[in-house]
Amino acid sequence: MPDVTFNLWTLILGAVAGLAGVLGSRYGHKLVMGAVSGAVAAVVLTFARGYF
């Protein structure tokens, strides 16, 4: 049976990007603002990963 591993950083990144998407969708066009907010959060956290 193959081993299953979880990358904790991927889970954190997905959770924060999802939360940012939900909060960002409150303004303007909901779908577009949610997608943009989630993408920006994912990019920022990807760069911030080097500092942690």
N, C-alpha and C. Protein backbone atom coordinates (compact mmCIF):
# COMPACT_ATOMS: atom_id res chain seq x y z
N MET A 1 0.85 -1.18 0.00
CA MET A 1 0.00 0.00 0.00
C MET A 1 0.90 1.25 0.00
N PRO A 2 0.64 2.22 -0.89
CA PRO A 2 1.49 3.40 -0.96
C PRO A 2 1.30 4.31 0.25
N ASP A 3 2.35 5.03 0.59
CA ASP A 3 2.27 5.99 1.69
C ASP A 3 1.57 7.26 1.24
N VAL A 4 0.83 7.86 2.14
CA VAL A 4 0.14 9.11 1.86
C VAL A 4 0.77 10.18 2.74
N THR A 5 1.24 11.26 2.12
CA THR A 5 1.82 12.36 2.88
C THR A 5 1.01 13.63 2.64
N PHE A 6 0.98 14.47 3.63
CA PHE A 6 0.27 15.74 3.54
C PHE A 6 1.28 16.87 3.68
N ASN A 7 1.16 17.86 2.82
CA ASN A 7 1.99 19.04 2.92
C ASN A 7 1.18 20.09 3.68
N LEU A 8 1.61 20.41 4.88
CA LEU A 8 0.87 21.34 5.73
C LEU A 8 0.79 22.73 5.10
N TRP A 9 1.86 23.15 4.42
CA TRP A 9 1.85 24.48 3.81
C TRP A 9 0.76 24.59 2.75
N THR A 10 0.54 23.53 1.99
CA THR A 10 -0.51 23.54 0.97
C THR A 10 -1.88 23.70 1.61
N LEU A 11 -2.11 23.04 2.73
CA LEU A 11 -3.39 23.17 3.43
C LEU A 11 -3.58 24.59 3.96
N ILE A 12 -2.53 25.17 4.52
CA ILE A 12 -2.62 26.54 5.04
C ILE A 12 -2.87 27.52 3.90
N LEU A 13 -2.14 27.35 2.80
CA LEU A 13 -2.29 28.23 1.65
C LEU A 13 -3.71 28.16 1.09
N GLY A 14 -4.26 26.98 0.97
CA GLY A 14 -5.62 26.82 0.46
C GLY A 14 -6.65 27.43 1.38
N ALA A 15 -6.46 27.25 2.69
CA ALA A 15 -7.42 27.80 3.65
C ALA A 15 -7.41 29.32 3.65
N VAL A 16 -6.23 29.91 3.64
CA VAL A 16 -6.14 31.37 3.66
C VAL A 16 -6.63 31.97 2.34
N ALA A 17 -6.28 31.34 1.23
CA ALA A 17 -6.76 31.84 -0.06
C ALA A 17 -8.28 31.73 -0.16
N GLY A 18 -8.83 30.66 0.35
CA GLY A 18 -10.29 30.51 0.34
C GLY A 18 -10.97 31.54 1.21
N LEU A 19 -10.41 31.77 2.39
CA LEU A 19 -10.97 32.78 3.29
C LEU A 19 -10.88 34.17 2.66
N ALA A 20 -9.74 34.47 2.04
CA ALA A 20 -9.60 35.77 1.37
C ALA A 20 -10.59 35.90 0.21
N GLY A 21 -10.84 34.81 -0.50
CA GLY A 21 -11.81 34.84 -1.58
C GLY A 21 -13.22 35.11 -1.08
N VAL A 22 -13.57 34.50 0.03
CA VAL A 22 -14.90 34.73 0.61
C VAL A 22 -15.05 36.17 1.08
N LEU A 23 -14.02 36.66 1.78
CA LEU A 23 -14.09 38.04 2.27
C LEU A 23 -14.04 39.04 1.12
N GLY A 24 -13.25 38.76 0.09
CA GLY A 24 -13.14 39.67 -1.04
C GLY A 24 -14.38 39.69 -1.91
N SER A 25 -15.17 38.63 -1.86
CA SER A 25 -16.36 38.57 -2.72
C SER A 25 -17.49 39.47 -2.22
N ARG A 26 -17.28 40.13 -1.14
CA ARG A 26 -18.31 41.04 -0.62
C ARG A 26 -18.36 42.35 -1.39
N TYR A 27 -17.33 42.61 -2.19
CA TYR A 27 -17.22 43.90 -2.88
C TYR A 27 -17.29 43.69 -4.38
N GLY A 28 -18.01 44.53 -5.06
CA GLY A 28 -18.09 44.48 -6.52
C GLY A 28 -18.72 43.20 -7.03
N HIS A 29 -18.27 42.75 -8.18
CA HIS A 29 -18.76 41.51 -8.79
C HIS A 29 -18.23 40.34 -7.97
N LYS A 30 -19.12 39.55 -7.39
CA LYS A 30 -18.74 38.54 -6.40
C LYS A 30 -17.75 37.50 -6.93
N LEU A 31 -17.98 36.97 -8.10
CA LEU A 31 -17.13 35.92 -8.62
C LEU A 31 -15.73 36.44 -8.94
N VAL A 32 -15.68 37.60 -9.60
CA VAL A 32 -14.39 38.16 -10.00
C VAL A 32 -13.59 38.59 -8.78
N MET A 33 -14.21 39.29 -7.87
CA MET A 33 -13.49 39.77 -6.69
C MET A 33 -13.05 38.63 -5.79
N GLY A 34 -13.85 37.59 -5.70
CA GLY A 34 -13.45 36.42 -4.91
C GLY A 34 -12.25 35.73 -5.51
N ALA A 35 -12.25 35.58 -6.83
CA ALA A 35 -11.12 34.94 -7.50
C ALA A 35 -9.86 35.78 -7.38
N VAL A 36 -9.97 37.08 -7.57
CA VAL A 36 -8.82 37.96 -7.47
C VAL A 36 -8.26 37.98 -6.05
N SER A 37 -9.13 38.07 -5.07
CA SER A 37 -8.68 38.09 -3.68
C SER A 37 -7.98 36.79 -3.29
N GLY A 38 -8.53 35.67 -3.70
CA GLY A 38 -7.90 34.39 -3.40
C GLY A 38 -6.56 34.24 -4.09
N ALA A 39 -6.46 34.69 -5.33
CA ALA A 39 -5.21 34.59 -6.08
C ALA A 39 -4.14 35.49 -5.47
N VAL A 40 -4.51 36.69 -5.08
CA VAL A 40 -3.55 37.60 -4.45
C VAL A 40 -3.05 37.02 -3.14
N ALA A 41 -3.95 36.46 -2.35
CA ALA A 41 -3.54 35.85 -1.08
C ALA A 41 -2.60 34.68 -1.32
N ALA A 42 -2.85 33.88 -2.33
CA ALA A 42 -1.98 32.74 -2.63
C ALA A 42 -0.60 33.21 -3.06
N VAL A 43 -0.52 34.26 -3.87
CA VAL A 43 0.78 34.77 -4.31
C VAL A 43 1.55 35.37 -3.14
N VAL A 44 0.87 36.13 -2.30
CA VAL A 44 1.54 36.75 -1.15
C VAL A 44 2.06 35.68 -0.20
N LEU A 45 1.26 34.66 0.07
CA LEU A 45 1.71 33.60 0.96
C LEU A 45 2.82 32.76 0.36
N THR A 46 2.83 32.62 -0.95
CA THR A 46 3.92 31.89 -1.59
C THR A 46 5.23 32.63 -1.41
N PHE A 47 5.22 33.95 -1.56
CA PHE A 47 6.43 34.74 -1.33
C PHE A 47 6.78 34.77 0.16
N ALA A 48 5.77 34.81 1.03
CA ALA A 48 6.01 34.87 2.47
C ALA A 48 6.57 33.55 3.00
N ARG A 49 6.40 32.48 2.26
CA ARG A 49 6.88 31.17 2.72
C ARG A 49 8.39 31.19 2.93
N GLY A 50 9.10 31.95 2.14
CA GLY A 50 10.54 32.06 2.29
C GLY A 50 10.98 32.71 3.59
N TYR A 51 10.11 33.48 4.21
CA TYR A 51 10.45 34.16 5.46
C TYR A 51 10.10 33.35 6.69
N PHE A 52 9.34 32.27 6.54
CA PHE A 52 8.94 31.46 7.70
C PHE A 52 9.83 30.26 7.86
